[in-house]
C-alpha atoms as a PDB file:
ATOM      1  CA  MET A   1       9.382 -78.690  11.787  1.00  0.00           C
ATOM      2  CA  ALA A   2      10.084 -76.224  14.579  1.00  0.00           C
ATOM      3  CA  SER A   3      12.253 -74.159  12.232  1.00  0.00           C
ATOM      4  CA  ALA A   4       9.445 -74.082   9.668  1.00  0.00           C
ATOM      5  CA  ALA A   5       6.964 -72.977  12.314  1.00  0.00           C
ATOM      6  CA  LEU A   6       9.304 -70.266  13.575  1.00  0.00           C
ATOM      7  CA  ALA A   7      10.011 -69.009  10.049  1.00  0.00           C
ATOM      8  CA  GLY A   8       6.301 -68.986   9.197  1.00  0.00           C
ATOM      9  CA  PHE A   9       5.393 -67.186  12.412  1.00  0.00           C
ATOM     10  CA  GLY A  10       8.132 -64.629  11.779  1.00  0.00           C
ATOM     11  CA  ALA A  11       6.957 -64.034   8.227  1.00  0.00           C
ATOM     12  CA  VAL A  12       3.424 -63.303   9.373  1.00  0.00           C
ATOM     13  CA  ALA A  13       4.587 -61.075  12.237  1.00  0.00           C
ATOM     14  CA  LEU A  14       6.994 -59.114  10.050  1.00  0.00           C
ATOM     15  CA  SER A  15       4.351 -58.760   7.379  1.00  0.00           C
ATOM     16  CA  ALA A  16       2.059 -57.173   9.959  1.00  0.00           C
ATOM     17  CA  VAL A  17       4.829 -54.853  11.122  1.00  0.00           C
ATOM     18  CA  ALA A  18       5.590 -53.855   7.526  1.00  0.00           C
ATOM     19  CA  SER A  19       1.964 -53.089   6.748  1.00  0.00           C
ATOM     20  CA  HIS A  20       1.636 -50.750   9.730  1.00  0.00           C
ATOM     21  CA  MET A  21       4.975 -48.974   9.529  1.00  0.00           C
ATOM     22  CA  VAL A  22       5.474 -45.815   7.577  1.00  0.00           C
ATOM     23  CA  MET A  23       8.754 -46.085   5.742  1.00  0.00           C
ATOM     24  CA  GLU A  24      10.244 -45.086   2.436  1.00  0.00           C
ATOM     25  CA  THR A  25       9.060 -47.059  -0.551  1.00  0.00           C
ATOM     26  CA  SER A  26      12.356 -48.824  -1.309  1.00  0.00           C
ATOM     27  CA  ALA A  27      12.683 -50.057   2.292  1.00  0.00           C
ATOM     28  CA  ASN A  28       9.095 -51.243   2.260  1.00  0.00           C
ATOM     29  CA  LEU A  29       9.665 -53.146  -0.996  1.00  0.00           C
ATOM     30  CA  MET A  30      12.822 -54.774   0.354  1.00  0.00           C
ATOM     31  CA  LEU A  31      10.997 -55.759   3.532  1.00  0.00           C
ATOM     32  CA  ARG A  32       8.076 -57.252   1.595  1.00  0.00           C
ATOM     33  CA  ASP A  33      10.445 -59.250  -0.601  1.00  0.00           C
ATOM     34  CA  ALA A  34      12.305 -60.648   2.418  1.00  0.00           C
ATOM     35  CA  VAL A  35       9.067 -61.513   4.230  1.00  0.00           C
ATOM     36  CA  GLN A  36       7.706 -63.223   1.127  1.00  0.00           C
ATOM     37  CA  MET A  37      10.926 -65.197   0.673  1.00  0.00           C
ATOM     38  CA  GLN A  38      10.843 -66.228   4.326  1.00  0.00           C
ATOM     39  CA  GLY A  39       7.199 -67.303   4.145  1.00  0.00           C
ATOM     40  CA  TRP A  40       7.587 -69.394   1.001  1.00  0.00           C
ATOM     41  CA  HIS A  41      10.704 -71.073   2.299  1.00  0.00           C
ATOM     42  CA  ALA A  42       9.091 -71.808   5.664  1.00  0.00           C
ATOM     43  CA  LEU A  43       6.693 -73.979   3.662  1.00  0.00           C
ATOM     44  CA  ALA A  44       9.628 -75.472   1.757  1.00  0.00           C
ATOM     45  CA  VAL A  45      11.318 -76.403   5.054  1.00  0.00           C
ATOM     46  CA  LEU A  46       8.156 -78.093   6.240  1.00  0.00           C
ATOM     47  CA  PHE A  47       7.751 -80.022   2.990  1.00  0.00           C
ATOM     48  CA  ALA A  48      11.420 -81.042   2.864  1.00  0.00           C
ATOM     49  CA  VAL A  49      11.439 -82.321   6.429  1.00  0.00           C
ATOM     50  CA  GLN A  50       8.139 -84.169   6.008  1.00  0.00           C
ATOM     51  CA  SER A  51       9.406 -85.856   2.845  1.00  0.00           C
ATOM     52  CA  GLY A  52      12.704 -86.890   4.445  1.00  0.00           C
ATOM     53  CA  ALA A  53      14.927 -84.414   2.589  1.00  0.00           C
ATOM     54  CA  VAL A  54      16.559 -83.132   5.765  1.00  0.00           C
ATOM     55  CA  ARG A  55      19.611 -81.680   3.994  1.00  0.00           C
ATOM     56  CA  ALA A  56      17.339 -79.624   1.773  1.00  0.00           C
ATOM     57  CA  GLY A  57      15.429 -78.421   4.828  1.00  0.00           C
ATOM     58  CA  LEU A  58      18.670 -77.417   6.526  1.00  0.00           C
ATOM     59  CA  ALA A  59      19.806 -75.534   3.410  1.00  0.00           C
ATOM     60  CA  PHE A  60      16.469 -73.695   3.379  1.00  0.00           C
ATOM     61  CA  VAL A  61      16.818 -72.714   7.056  1.00  0.00           C
ATOM     62  CA  VAL A  62      20.366 -71.418   6.560  1.00  0.00           C
ATOM     63  CA  GLY A  63      19.245 -69.647   3.387  1.00  0.00           C
ATOM     64  CA  ILE A  64      16.346 -67.942   5.156  1.00  0.00           C
ATOM     65  CA  ILE A  65      18.685 -66.660   7.855  1.00  0.00           C
ATOM     66  CA  LEU A  66      21.442 -65.511   5.510  1.00  0.00           C
ATOM     67  CA  PHE A  67      19.074 -63.949   2.988  1.00  0.00           C
ATOM     68  CA  CYS A  68      16.423 -62.342   5.177  1.00  0.00           C
ATOM     69  CA  ALA A  69      18.350 -61.281   8.292  1.00  0.00           C
ATOM     70  CA  PRO A  70      20.635 -58.800   6.475  1.00  0.00           C
ATOM     71  CA  ILE A  71      17.609 -57.196   4.825  1.00  0.00           C
ATOM     72  CA  TYR A  72      15.779 -56.935   8.155  1.00  0.00           C
ATOM     73  CA  ALA A  73      18.932 -55.462   9.745  1.00  0.00           C
ATOM     74  CA  LEU A  74      19.114 -52.820   7.013  1.00  0.00           C
ATOM     75  CA  VAL A  75      15.423 -51.907   7.048  1.00  0.00           C
ATOM     76  CA  PHE A  76      14.918 -51.816  10.833  1.00  0.00           C
ATOM     77  CA  PHE A  77      18.333 -50.777  12.151  1.00  0.00           C
ATOM     78  CA  GLY A  78      20.231 -49.278   9.227  1.00  0.00           C
ATOM     79  CA  LEU A  79      22.925 -51.978   9.543  1.00  0.00           C
ATOM     80  CA  LYS A  80      24.526 -52.834   6.223  1.00  0.00           C
ATOM     81  CA  PHE A  81      25.205 -56.561   6.063  1.00  0.00           C
ATOM     82  CA  THR A  82      23.570 -56.947   2.671  1.00  0.00           C
ATOM     83  CA  PHE A  83      26.756 -58.480   1.241  1.00  0.00           C
ATOM     84  CA  ILE A  84      25.669 -61.665   3.076  1.00  0.00           C
ATOM     85  CA  ALA A  85      22.298 -61.931   1.295  1.00  0.00           C
ATOM     86  CA  PRO A  86      23.667 -63.495  -1.927  1.00  0.00           C
ATOM     87  CA  TYR A  87      25.045 -66.385   0.146  1.00  0.00           C
ATOM     88  CA  GLY A  88      21.556 -66.861   1.529  1.00  0.00           C
ATOM     89  CA  GLY A  89      20.094 -66.865  -1.961  1.00  0.00           C
ATOM     90  CA  THR A  90      22.660 -69.464  -2.986  1.00  0.00           C
ATOM     91  CA  MET A  91      21.687 -71.637  -0.006  1.00  0.00           C
ATOM     92  CA  LEU A  92      18.017 -71.341  -0.954  1.00  0.00           C
ATOM     93  CA  MET A  93      18.815 -72.481  -4.486  1.00  0.00           C
ATOM     94  CA  LEU A  94      20.945 -75.294  -3.090  1.00  0.00           C
ATOM     95  CA  GLY A  95      17.966 -76.337  -0.964  1.00  0.00           C
ATOM     96  CA  TRP A  96      15.782 -76.598  -4.052  1.00  0.00           C
ATOM     97  CA  GLY A  97      18.494 -78.589  -5.812  1.00  0.00           C
ATOM     98  CA  LEU A  98      18.814 -80.968  -2.868  1.00  0.00           C
ATOM     99  CA  LEU A  99      15.053 -81.338  -2.699  1.00  0.00           C
ATOM    100  CA  GLY A 100      14.952 -82.184  -6.403  1.00  0.00           C
ATOM    101  CA  THR A 101      17.757 -84.719  -6.179  1.00  0.00           C
ATOM    102  CA  SER A 102      16.090 -86.371  -3.197  1.00  0.00           C
ATOM    103  CA  ALA A 103      13.187 -87.264  -5.496  1.00  0.00           C
ATOM    104  CA  PHE A 104      15.543 -89.207  -7.758  1.00  0.00           C
ATOM    105  CA  LYS A 105      17.202 -90.976  -4.827  1.00  0.00           C
ATOM    106  CA  ARG A 106      13.853 -92.359  -3.691  1.00  0.00           C
ATOM    107  CA  ARG A 107      13.340 -94.214  -6.971  1.00  0.00           C
END
């Protein structure tokens, strides 16, 4: 739950930063996409943990970090670690798969 709260807080804070910064359009779009992905998956972490799908929640947390952090590093600091982002996207998809399979295990 703490990870979900931290991810949600970060999404709101970064959204505020993005709305007040003047930056090129492509950087702003990348930042908005990363913030949106972080915000939605903060809710997914919360739901997964509350429903007992801890592995799914962990996959979401790792996915948020691996997907969003490289984009934030590029937008704010010009650091190019974007080759890591696809691994984050894969972890996010794995999280959804684990969440789905946890529903079948409960039956």
